Amino acid sequence: MILVNTDYIPGKEFETLGLVRGSTIQAKHVGKDILSGLKTLVGGELKAYSEMMNEARAKATLRMVEEADKMEADGIVNIRYTSSTVMSGAAEILAYGTAVRFK
């Protein structure tokens, strides 16, 4: 499966199959949440949250690809990610794109 954030794939012609998406809601352990809160006092990267968001993007991408597989797609173009806060320490990640089949 080819995944791109452009609306084309060089050298490939394809037909559009439709929108595919995957999402997840992730939260960090309350202990890590407290430590991250303390980190905001001194500044710097909140590594626990960076890890959480990377894991969430990977899960959302996998779910999007699984949906495209069900459509027998060869690739997904124009992939985008969005996130929103669900509650303190928890975020939803949505991955979406257009499933395509090569001609």
PDB file of N, CA and C in Angstrom:
ATOM      1  N   MET A   1       0.852  -1.179   0.000  1.00  0.00           N
ATOM      2  CA  MET A   1       0.000   0.000   0.000  1.00  0.00           C
ATOM      3  C   MET A   1       0.892   1.234   0.000  1.00  0.00           C
ATOM      4  N   ILE A   2       0.618   2.129  -0.938  1.00  0.00           N
ATOM      5  CA  ILE A   2       1.361   3.387  -1.021  1.00  0.00           C
ATOM      6  C   ILE A   2       0.560   4.470  -0.293  1.00  0.00           C
ATOM      7  N   LEU A   3       1.220   5.173   0.607  1.00  0.00           N
ATOM      8  CA  LEU A   3       0.593   6.246   1.369  1.00  0.00           C
ATOM      9  C   LEU A   3       1.322   7.547   1.067  1.00  0.00           C
ATOM     10  N   VAL A   4       0.572   8.561   0.600  1.00  0.00           N
ATOM     11  CA  VAL A   4       1.184   9.863   0.289  1.00  0.00           C
ATOM     12  C   VAL A   4       0.267  10.988   0.751  1.00  0.00           C
ATOM     13  N   ASN A   5       0.871  12.136   1.013  1.00  0.00           N
ATOM     14  CA  ASN A   5       0.075  13.300   1.387  1.00  0.00           C
ATOM     15  C   ASN A   5      -0.143  14.247   0.208  1.00  0.00           C
ATOM     16  N   THR A   6       0.175  13.787  -0.996  1.00  0.00           N
ATOM     17  CA  THR A   6      -0.098  14.547  -2.212  1.00  0.00           C
ATOM     18  C   THR A   6      -1.342  13.975  -2.879  1.00  0.00           C
ATOM     19  N   ASP A   7      -1.884  14.702  -3.846  1.00  0.00           N
ATOM     20  CA  ASP A   7      -3.075  14.201  -4.533  1.00  0.00           C
ATOM     21  C   ASP A   7      -2.729  13.397  -5.785  1.00  0.00           C
ATOM     22  N   TYR A   8      -1.466  13.034  -5.928  1.00  0.00           N
ATOM     23  CA  TYR A   8      -1.018  12.218  -7.058  1.00  0.00           C
ATOM     24  C   TYR A   8       0.126  11.324  -6.595  1.00  0.00           C
ATOM     25  N   ILE A   9       0.402  10.302  -7.406  1.00  0.00           N
ATOM     26  CA  ILE A   9       1.564   9.437  -7.193  1.00  0.00           C
ATOM     27  C   ILE A   9       2.318   9.434  -8.509  1.00  0.00           C
ATOM     28  N   PRO A  10       3.542   9.951  -8.539  1.00  0.00           N
ATOM     29  CA  PRO A  10       4.279  10.050  -9.798  1.00  0.00           C
ATOM     30  C   PRO A  10       4.309   8.715 -10.549  1.00  0.00           C
ATOM     31  N   GLY A  11       3.946   8.771 -11.838  1.00  0.00           N
ATOM     32  CA  GLY A  11       3.987   7.594 -12.690  1.00  0.00           C
ATOM     33  C   GLY A  11       2.815   6.646 -12.537  1.00  0.00           C
ATOM     34  N   LYS A  12       1.826   6.999 -11.722  1.00  0.00           N
ATOM     35  CA  LYS A  12       0.684   6.112 -11.490  1.00  0.00           C
ATOM     36  C   LYS A  12      -0.617   6.800 -11.903  1.00  0.00           C
ATOM     37  N   GLU A  13      -1.443   6.059 -12.612  1.00  0.00           N
ATOM     38  CA  GLU A  13      -2.815   6.490 -12.873  1.00  0.00           C
ATOM     39  C   GLU A  13      -3.707   5.671 -11.975  1.00  0.00           C
ATOM     40  N   PHE A  14      -4.744   6.293 -11.444  1.00  0.00           N
ATOM     41  CA  PHE A  14      -5.600   5.564 -10.524  1.00  0.00           C
ATOM     42  C   PHE A  14      -7.026   6.045 -10.590  1.00  0.00           C
ATOM     43  N   GLU A  15      -7.906   5.188 -10.091  1.00  0.00           N
ATOM     44  CA  GLU A  15      -9.301   5.550  -9.924  1.00  0.00           C
ATOM     45  C   GLU A  15      -9.550   5.778  -8.439  1.00  0.00           C
ATOM     46  N   THR A  16     -10.421   6.711  -8.142  1.00  0.00           N
ATOM     47  CA  THR A  16     -10.757   7.034  -6.759  1.00  0.00           C
ATOM     48  C   THR A  16     -11.804   6.058  -6.243  1.00  0.00           C
ATOM     49  N   LEU A  17     -11.550   5.500  -5.067  1.00  0.00           N
ATOM     50  CA  LEU A  17     -12.495   4.574  -4.444  1.00  0.00           C
ATOM     51  C   LEU A  17     -13.340   5.249  -3.376  1.00  0.00           C
ATOM     52  N   GLY A  18     -12.778   6.235  -2.705  1.00  0.00           N
ATOM     53  CA  GLY A  18     -13.536   6.946  -1.682  1.00  0.00           C
ATOM     54  C   GLY A  18     -12.711   7.290  -0.464  1.00  0.00           C
ATOM     55  N   LEU A  19     -13.356   7.974   0.446  1.00  0.00           N
ATOM     56  CA  LEU A  19     -12.736   8.424   1.690  1.00  0.00           C
ATOM     57  C   LEU A  19     -12.479   7.244   2.618  1.00  0.00           C
ATOM     58  N   VAL A  20     -11.304   7.236   3.223  1.00  0.00           N
ATOM     59  CA  VAL A  20     -10.990   6.270   4.276  1.00  0.00           C
ATOM     60  C   VAL A  20     -10.471   7.046   5.477  1.00  0.00           C
ATOM     61  N   ARG A  21     -10.723   6.490   6.653  1.00  0.00           N
ATOM     62  CA  ARG A  21     -10.281   7.189   7.861  1.00  0.00           C
ATOM     63  C   ARG A  21     -10.016   6.186   8.970  1.00  0.00           C
ATOM     64  N   GLY A  22      -9.238   6.626   9.915  1.00  0.00           N
ATOM     65  CA  GLY A  22      -8.960   5.843  11.106  1.00  0.00           C
ATOM     66  C   GLY A  22      -8.766   6.806  12.255  1.00  0.00           C
ATOM     67  N   SER A  23      -9.190   6.409  13.435  1.00  0.00           N
ATOM     68  CA  SER A  23      -9.031   7.307  14.581  1.00  0.00           C
ATOM     69  C   SER A  23      -8.748   6.513  15.844  1.00  0.00           C
ATOM     70  N   THR A  24      -8.258   7.222  16.823  1.00  0.00           N
ATOM     71  CA  THR A  24      -8.031   6.655  18.144  1.00  0.00           C
ATOM     72  C   THR A  24      -8.054   7.783  19.165  1.00  0.00           C
ATOM     73  N   ILE A  25      -8.365   7.442  20.374  1.00  0.00           N
ATOM     74  CA  ILE A  25      -8.264   8.386  21.489  1.00  0.00           C
ATOM     75  C   ILE A  25      -7.258   7.800  22.455  1.00  0.00           C
ATOM     76  N   GLN A  26      -6.243   8.570  22.763  1.00  0.00           N
ATOM     77  CA  GLN A  26      -5.153   8.107  23.625  1.00  0.00           C
ATOM     78  C   GLN A  26      -5.087   8.973  24.883  1.00  0.00           C
ATOM     79  N   ALA A  27      -4.686   8.354  25.968  1.00  0.00           N
ATOM     80  CA  ALA A  27      -4.454   9.071  27.224  1.00  0.00           C
ATOM     81  C   ALA A  27      -3.195   8.523  27.868  1.00  0.00           C
ATOM     82  N   LYS A  28      -2.527   9.349  28.611  1.00  0.00           N
ATOM     83  CA  LYS A  28      -1.334   8.926  29.335  1.00  0.00           C
ATOM     84  C   LYS A  28      -1.690   8.568  30.769  1.00  0.00           C
ATOM     85  N   HIS A  29      -0.882   7.716  31.338  1.00  0.00           N
ATOM     86  CA  HIS A  29      -1.013   7.324  32.736  1.00  0.00           C
ATOM     87  C   HIS A  29      -1.005   8.574  33.603  1.00  0.00           C
ATOM     88  N   VAL A  30      -1.842   8.612  34.623  1.00  0.00           N
ATOM     89  CA  VAL A  30      -1.971   9.795  35.468  1.00  0.00           C
ATOM     90  C   VAL A  30      -0.634  10.213  36.080  1.00  0.00           C
ATOM     91  N   GLY A  31       0.217   9.266  36.412  1.00  0.00           N
ATOM     92  CA  GLY A  31       1.538   9.599  36.962  1.00  0.00           C
ATOM     93  C   GLY A  31       2.380  10.374  35.963  1.00  0.00           C
ATOM     94  N   LYS A  32       2.358   9.945  34.711  1.00  0.00           N
ATOM     95  CA  LYS A  32       3.101  10.661  33.673  1.00  0.00           C
ATOM     96  C   LYS A  32       2.466  12.010  33.397  1.00  0.00           C
ATOM     97  N   ASP A  33       1.141  12.087  33.548  1.00  0.00           N
ATOM     98  CA  ASP A  33       0.445  13.347  33.340  1.00  0.00           C
ATOM     99  C   ASP A  33       0.890  14.371  34.383  1.00  0.00           C
ATOM    100  N   ILE A  34       1.033  13.931  35.624  1.00  0.00           N
ATOM    101  CA  ILE A  34       1.475  14.832  36.701  1.00  0.00           C
ATOM    102  C   ILE A  34       2.908  15.292  36.443  1.00  0.00           C
ATOM    103  N   LEU A  35       3.790  14.351  36.047  1.00  0.00           N
ATOM    104  CA  LEU A  35       5.174  14.719  35.757  1.00  0.00           C
ATOM    105  C   LEU A  35       5.251  15.696  34.592  1.00  0.00           C
ATOM    106  N   SER A  36       4.409  15.500  33.582  1.00  0.00           N
ATOM    107  CA  SER A  36       4.394  16.425  32.450  1.00  0.00           C
ATOM    108  C   SER A  36       3.910  17.801  32.881  1.00  0.00           C
ATOM    109  N   GLY A  37       2.951  17.816  33.804  1.00  0.00           N
ATOM    110  CA  GLY A  37       2.473  19.092  34.325  1.00  0.00           C
ATOM    111  C   GLY A  37       3.580  19.858  35.028  1.00  0.00           C
ATOM    112  N   LEU A  38       4.428  19.156  35.770  1.00  0.00           N
ATOM    113  CA  LEU A  38       5.566  19.799  36.425  1.00  0.00           C
ATOM    114  C   LEU A  38       6.569  20.314  35.400  1.00  0.00           C
ATOM    115  N   LYS A  39       6.722  19.585  34.296  1.00  0.00           N
ATOM    116  CA  LYS A  39       7.666  19.973  33.243  1.00  0.00           C
ATOM    117  C   LYS A  39       7.270  21.309  32.616  1.00  0.00           C
ATOM    118  N   THR A  40       5.984  21.616  32.603  1.00  0.00           N
ATOM    119  CA  THR A  40       5.556  22.889  32.022  1.00  0.00           C
ATOM    120  C   THR A  40       6.079  24.087  32.816  1.00  0.00           C
ATOM    121  N   LEU A  41       6.453  23.854  34.066  1.00  0.00           N
ATOM    122  CA  LEU A  41       6.999  24.947  34.882  1.00  0.00           C
ATOM    123  C   LEU A  41       8.400  25.343  34.452  1.00  0.00           C
ATOM    124  N   VAL A  42       9.175  24.375  33.984  1.00  0.00           N
ATOM    125  CA  VAL A  42      10.562  24.658  33.610  1.00  0.00           C
ATOM    126  C   VAL A  42      10.785  24.671  32.104  1.00  0.00           C
ATOM    127  N   GLY A  43       9.809  24.215  31.344  1.00  0.00           N
ATOM    128  CA  GLY A  43       9.916  24.218  29.884  1.00  0.00           C
ATOM    129  C   GLY A  43      10.581  22.958  29.363  1.00  0.00           C
ATOM    130  N   GLY A  44      10.530  22.792  28.070  1.00  0.00           N
ATOM    131  CA  GLY A  44      11.136  21.639  27.421  1.00  0.00           C
ATOM    132  C   GLY A  44      10.083  20.711  26.832  1.00  0.00           C
ATOM    133  N   GLU A  45      10.570  19.695  26.151  1.00  0.00           N
ATOM    134  CA  GLU A  45       9.678  18.746  25.482  1.00  0.00           C
ATOM    135  C   GLU A  45       8.959  17.870  26.498  1.00  0.00           C
ATOM    136  N   LEU A  46       7.692  17.651  26.269  1.00  0.00           N
ATOM    137  CA  LEU A  46       6.908  16.731  27.083  1.00  0.00           C
ATOM    138  C   LEU A  46       6.963  15.372  26.392  1.00  0.00           C
ATOM    139  N   LYS A  47       7.999  14.620  26.711  1.00  0.00           N
ATOM    140  CA  LYS A  47       8.276  13.374  25.986  1.00  0.00           C
ATOM    141  C   LYS A  47       7.141  12.367  26.098  1.00  0.00           C
ATOM    142  N   ALA A  48       6.498  12.276  27.243  1.00  0.00           N
ATOM    143  CA  ALA A  48       5.391  11.328  27.396  1.00  0.00           C
ATOM    144  C   ALA A  48       4.270  11.662  26.416  1.00  0.00           C
ATOM    145  N   TYR A  49       4.020  12.950  26.218  1.00  0.00           N
ATOM    146  CA  TYR A  49       2.973  13.353  25.278  1.00  0.00           C
ATOM    147  C   TYR A  49       3.421  13.176  23.835  1.00  0.00           C
ATOM    148  N   SER A  50       4.686  13.422  23.555  1.00  0.00           N
ATOM    149  CA  SER A  50       5.202  13.181  22.200  1.00  0.00           C
ATOM    150  C   SER A  50       5.057  11.711  21.839  1.00  0.00           C
ATOM    151  N   GLU A  51       5.407  10.839  22.773  1.00  0.00           N
ATOM    152  CA  GLU A  51       5.258   9.394  22.550  1.00  0.00           C
ATOM    153  C   GLU A  51       3.794   9.024  22.360  1.00  0.00           C
ATOM    154  N   MET A  52       2.931   9.598  23.197  1.00  0.00           N
ATOM    155  CA  MET A  52       1.503   9.312  23.099  1.00  0.00           C
ATOM    156  C   MET A  52       0.968   9.699  21.725  1.00  0.00           C
ATOM    157  N   MET A  53       1.347  10.875  21.246  1.00  0.00           N
ATOM    158  CA  MET A  53       0.846  11.340  19.952  1.00  0.00           C
ATOM    159  C   MET A  53       1.418  10.506  18.806  1.00  0.00           C
ATOM    160  N   ASN A  54       2.671  10.107  18.900  1.00  0.00           N
ATOM    161  CA  ASN A  54       3.255   9.238  17.865  1.00  0.00           C
ATOM    162  C   ASN A  54       2.538   7.893  17.822  1.00  0.00           C
ATOM    163  N   GLU A  55       2.262   7.321  18.989  1.00  0.00           N
ATOM    164  CA  GLU A  55       1.518   6.049  19.050  1.00  0.00           C
ATOM    165  C   GLU A  55       0.117   6.221  18.467  1.00  0.00           C
ATOM    166  N   ALA A  56      -0.530   7.316  18.805  1.00  0.00           N
ATOM    167  CA  ALA A  56      -1.891   7.563  18.323  1.00  0.00           C
ATOM    168  C   ALA A  56      -1.906   7.729  16.805  1.00  0.00           C
ATOM    169  N   ARG A  57      -0.948   8.465  16.244  1.00  0.00           N
ATOM    170  CA  ARG A  57      -0.883   8.622  14.779  1.00  0.00           C
ATOM    171  C   ARG A  57      -0.673   7.276  14.100  1.00  0.00           C
ATOM    172  N   ALA A  58       0.194   6.445  14.679  1.00  0.00           N
ATOM    173  CA  ALA A  58       0.450   5.122  14.095  1.00  0.00           C
ATOM    174  C   ALA A  58      -0.815   4.260  14.124  1.00  0.00           C
ATOM    175  N   LYS A  59      -1.551   4.278  15.229  1.00  0.00           N
ATOM    176  CA  LYS A  59      -2.791   3.502  15.322  1.00  0.00           C
ATOM    177  C   LYS A  59      -3.839   4.017  14.343  1.00  0.00           C
ATOM    178  N   ALA A  60      -3.996   5.328  14.280  1.00  0.00           N
ATOM    179  CA  ALA A  60      -4.984   5.911  13.371  1.00  0.00           C
ATOM    180  C   ALA A  60      -4.632   5.585  11.919  1.00  0.00           C
ATOM    181  N   THR A  61      -3.343   5.640  11.581  1.00  0.00           N
ATOM    182  CA  THR A  61      -2.905   5.314  10.222  1.00  0.00           C
ATOM    183  C   THR A  61      -3.207   3.852   9.910  1.00  0.00           C
ATOM    184  N   LEU A  62      -2.902   2.964  10.842  1.00  0.00           N
ATOM    185  CA  LEU A  62      -3.166   1.543  10.642  1.00  0.00           C
ATOM    186  C   LEU A  62      -4.652   1.293  10.409  1.00  0.00           C
ATOM    187  N   ARG A  63      -5.499   1.929  11.176  1.00  0.00           N
ATOM    188  CA  ARG A  63      -6.947   1.751  11.015  1.00  0.00           C
ATOM    189  C   ARG A  63      -7.432   2.296   9.671  1.00  0.00           C
ATOM    190  N   MET A  64      -6.828   3.395   9.221  1.00  0.00           N
ATOM    191  CA  MET A  64      -7.165   3.942   7.913  1.00  0.00           C
ATOM    192  C   MET A  64      -6.765   2.962   6.811  1.00  0.00           C
ATOM    193  N   VAL A  65      -5.566   2.386   6.919  1.00  0.00           N
ATOM    194  CA  VAL A  65      -5.078   1.416   5.934  1.00  0.00           C
ATOM    195  C   VAL A  65      -5.966   0.169   5.931  1.00  0.00           C
ATOM    196  N   GLU A  66      -6.395  -0.293   7.105  1.00  0.00           N
ATOM    197  CA  GLU A  66      -7.284  -1.452   7.180  1.00  0.00           C
ATOM    198  C   GLU A  66      -8.596  -1.183   6.441  1.00  0.00           C
ATOM    199  N   GLU A  67      -9.119   0.035   6.571  1.00  0.00           N
ATOM    200  CA  GLU A  67     -10.342   0.401   5.859  1.00  0.00           C
ATOM    201  C   GLU A  67     -10.104   0.408   4.348  1.00  0.00           C
ATOM    202  N   ALA A  68      -8.941   0.911   3.929  1.00  0.00           N
ATOM    203  CA  ALA A  68      -8.598   0.926   2.502  1.00  0.00           C
ATOM    204  C   ALA A  68      -8.417  -0.495   1.973  1.00  0.00           C
ATOM    205  N   ASP A  69      -7.842  -1.379   2.780  1.00  0.00           N
ATOM    206  CA  ASP A  69      -7.683  -2.787   2.384  1.00  0.00           C
ATOM    207  C   ASP A  69      -9.039  -3.431   2.108  1.00  0.00           C
ATOM    208  N   LYS A  70     -10.033  -3.114   2.914  1.00  0.00           N
ATOM    209  CA  LYS A  70     -11.373  -3.660   2.710  1.00  0.00           C
ATOM    210  C   LYS A  70     -11.955  -3.219   1.357  1.00  0.00           C
ATOM    211  N   MET A  71     -11.503  -2.063   0.876  1.00  0.00           N
ATOM    212  CA  MET A  71     -11.957  -1.546  -0.423  1.00  0.00           C
ATOM    213  C   MET A  71     -11.074  -2.058  -1.566  1.00  0.00           C
ATOM    214  N   GLU A  72     -10.085  -2.894  -1.201  1.00  0.00           N
ATOM    215  CA  GLU A  72      -9.105  -3.424  -2.153  1.00  0.00           C
ATOM    216  C   GLU A  72      -8.333  -2.300  -2.847  1.00  0.00           C
ATOM    217  N   ALA A  73      -7.955  -1.323  -2.057  1.00  0.00           N
ATOM    218  CA  ALA A  73      -7.194  -0.180  -2.570  1.00  0.00           C
ATOM    219  C   ALA A  73      -5.718  -0.532  -2.712  1.00  0.00           C
ATOM    220  N   ASP A  74      -5.064   0.161  -3.620  1.00  0.00           N
ATOM    221  CA  ASP A  74      -3.617   0.017  -3.807  1.00  0.00           C
ATOM    222  C   ASP A  74      -2.843   1.119  -3.088  1.00  0.00           C
ATOM    223  N   GLY A  75      -3.541   2.176  -2.734  1.00  0.00           N
ATOM    224  CA  GLY A  75      -2.871   3.293  -2.083  1.00  0.00           C
ATOM    225  C   GLY A  75      -3.870   4.261  -1.481  1.00  0.00           C
ATOM    226  N   ILE A  76      -3.335   5.207  -0.737  1.00  0.00           N
ATOM    227  CA  ILE A  76      -4.139   6.288  -0.173  1.00  0.00           C
ATOM    228  C   ILE A  76      -3.416   7.588  -0.479  1.00  0.00           C
ATOM    229  N   VAL A  77      -4.125   8.520  -1.102  1.00  0.00           N
ATOM    230  CA  VAL A  77      -3.545   9.809  -1.441  1.00  0.00           C
ATOM    231  C   VAL A  77      -4.163  10.900  -0.575  1.00  0.00           C
ATOM    232  N   ASN A  78      -3.480  12.034  -0.556  1.00  0.00           N
ATOM    233  CA  ASN A  78      -3.969  13.225   0.133  1.00  0.00           C
ATOM    234  C   ASN A  78      -4.243  12.959   1.618  1.00  0.00           C
ATOM    235  N   ILE A  79      -3.343  12.233   2.265  1.00  0.00           N
ATOM    236  CA  ILE A  79      -3.514  11.879   3.680  1.00  0.00           C
ATOM    237  C   ILE A  79      -3.332  13.118   4.554  1.00  0.00           C
ATOM    238  N   ARG A  80      -4.218  13.244   5.511  1.00  0.00           N
ATOM    239  CA  ARG A  80      -4.163  14.341   6.469  1.00  0.00           C
ATOM    240  C   ARG A  80      -4.380  13.782   7.870  1.00  0.00           C
ATOM    241  N   TYR A  81      -3.889  14.522   8.853  1.00  0.00           N
ATOM    242  CA  TYR A  81      -4.082  14.186  10.263  1.00  0.00           C
ATOM    243  C   TYR A  81      -4.676  15.394  10.968  1.00  0.00           C
ATOM    244  N   THR A  82      -5.516  15.123  11.925  1.00  0.00           N
ATOM    245  CA  THR A  82      -6.046  16.179  12.768  1.00  0.00           C
ATOM    246  C   THR A  82      -6.124  15.642  14.191  1.00  0.00           C
ATOM    247  N   SER A  83      -6.067  16.538  15.144  1.00  0.00           N
ATOM    248  CA  SER A  83      -6.162  16.115  16.539  1.00  0.00           C
ATOM    249  C   SER A  83      -7.045  17.080  17.304  1.00  0.00           C
ATOM    250  N   SER A  84      -7.618  16.564  18.367  1.00  0.00           N
ATOM    251  CA  SER A  84      -8.414  17.411  19.244  1.00  0.00           C
ATOM    252  C   SER A  84      -8.308  16.872  20.666  1.00  0.00           C
ATOM    253  N   THR A  85      -8.414  17.760  21.608  1.00  0.00           N
ATOM    254  CA  THR A  85      -8.369  17.380  23.012  1.00  0.00           C
ATOM    255  C   THR A  85      -9.746  16.881  23.420  1.00  0.00           C
ATOM    256  N   VAL A  86      -9.781  15.715  24.005  1.00  0.00           N
ATOM    257  CA  VAL A  86     -11.034  15.139  24.470  1.00  0.00           C
ATOM    258  C   VAL A  86     -11.255  15.522  25.928  1.00  0.00           C
ATOM    259  N   MET A  87     -10.167  15.450  26.691  1.00  0.00           N
ATOM    260  CA  MET A  87     -10.160  15.857  28.096  1.00  0.00           C
ATOM    261  C   MET A  87      -8.704  16.094  28.466  1.00  0.00           C
ATOM    262  N   SER A  88      -8.448  16.574  29.633  1.00  0.00           N
ATOM    263  CA  SER A  88      -7.077  16.811  30.050  1.00  0.00           C
ATOM    264  C   SER A  88      -6.275  15.509  29.978  1.00  0.00           C
ATOM    265  N   GLY A  89      -5.191  15.533  29.218  1.00  0.00           N
ATOM    266  CA  GLY A  89      -4.336  14.361  29.122  1.00  0.00           C
ATOM    267  C   GLY A  89      -4.771  13.337  28.100  1.00  0.00           C
ATOM    268  N   ALA A  90      -5.848  13.614  27.339  1.00  0.00           N
ATOM    269  CA  ALA A  90      -6.324  12.669  26.325  1.00  0.00           C
ATOM    270  C   ALA A  90      -6.593  13.418  25.023  1.00  0.00           C
ATOM    271  N   ALA A  91      -6.223  12.795  23.924  1.00  0.00           N
ATOM    272  CA  ALA A  91      -6.416  13.425  22.619  1.00  0.00           C
ATOM    273  C   ALA A  91      -6.930  12.414  21.618  1.00  0.00           C
ATOM    274  N   GLU A  92      -7.756  12.901  20.685  1.00  0.00           N
ATOM    275  CA  GLU A  92      -8.198  12.089  19.564  1.00  0.00           C
ATOM    276  C   GLU A  92      -7.347  12.451  18.360  1.00  0.00           C
ATOM    277  N   ILE A  93      -6.895  11.445  17.652  1.00  0.00           N
ATOM    278  CA  ILE A  93      -6.185  11.632  16.390  1.00  0.00           C
ATOM    279  C   ILE A  93      -7.040  11.021  15.300  1.00  0.00           C
ATOM    280  N   LEU A  94      -7.230  11.753  14.224  1.00  0.00           N
ATOM    281  CA  LEU A  94      -7.963  11.269  13.064  1.00  0.00           C
ATOM    282  C   LEU A  94      -7.032  11.333  11.860  1.00  0.00           C
ATOM    283  N   ALA A  95      -6.898  10.209  11.158  1.00  0.00           N
ATOM    284  CA  ALA A  95      -6.152  10.144   9.903  1.00  0.00           C
ATOM    285  C   ALA A  95      -7.168   9.906   8.805  1.00  0.00           C
ATOM    286  N   TYR A  96      -7.061  10.649   7.701  1.00  0.00           N
ATOM    287  CA  TYR A  96      -8.005  10.447   6.609  1.00  0.00           C
ATOM    288  C   TYR A  96      -7.340  10.729   5.274  1.00  0.00           C
ATOM    289  N   GLY A  97      -7.874  10.108   4.244  1.00  0.00           N
ATOM    290  CA  GLY A  97      -7.339  10.283   2.901  1.00  0.00           C
ATOM    291  C   GLY A  97      -8.288   9.658   1.898  1.00  0.00           C
ATOM    292  N   THR A  98      -7.837   9.596   0.648  1.00  0.00           N
ATOM    293  CA  THR A  98      -8.640   9.040  -0.432  1.00  0.00           C
ATOM    294  C   THR A  98      -8.020   7.716  -0.890  1.00  0.00           C
ATOM    295  N   ALA A  99      -8.805   6.656  -0.794  1.00  0.00           N
ATOM    296  CA  ALA A  99      -8.349   5.340  -1.255  1.00  0.00           C
ATOM    297  C   ALA A  99      -8.389   5.311  -2.773  1.00  0.00           C
ATOM    298  N   VAL A 100      -7.349   4.723  -3.373  1.00  0.00           N
ATOM    299  CA  VAL A 100      -7.264   4.653  -4.834  1.00  0.00           C
ATOM    300  C   VAL A 100      -6.861   3.241  -5.273  1.00  0.00           C
ATOM    301  N   ARG A 101      -7.236   2.921  -6.510  1.00  0.00           N
ATOM    302  CA  ARG A 101      -6.823   1.660  -7.134  1.00  0.00           C
ATOM    303  C   ARG A 101      -6.110   2.020  -8.439  1.00  0.00           C
ATOM    304  N   PHE A 102      -4.938   1.421  -8.646  1.00  0.00           N
ATOM    305  CA  PHE A 102      -4.154   1.722  -9.830  1.00  0.00           C
ATOM    306  C   PHE A 102      -4.783   1.109 -11.078  1.00  0.00           C
ATOM    307  N   LYS A 103      -4.676   1.830 -12.177  1.00  0.00           N
ATOM    308  CA  LYS A 103      -5.191   1.339 -13.473  1.00  0.00           C
ATOM    309  C   LYS A 103      -4.164   0.478 -14.143  1.00  0.00           C
TER     310      LYS A 103
END
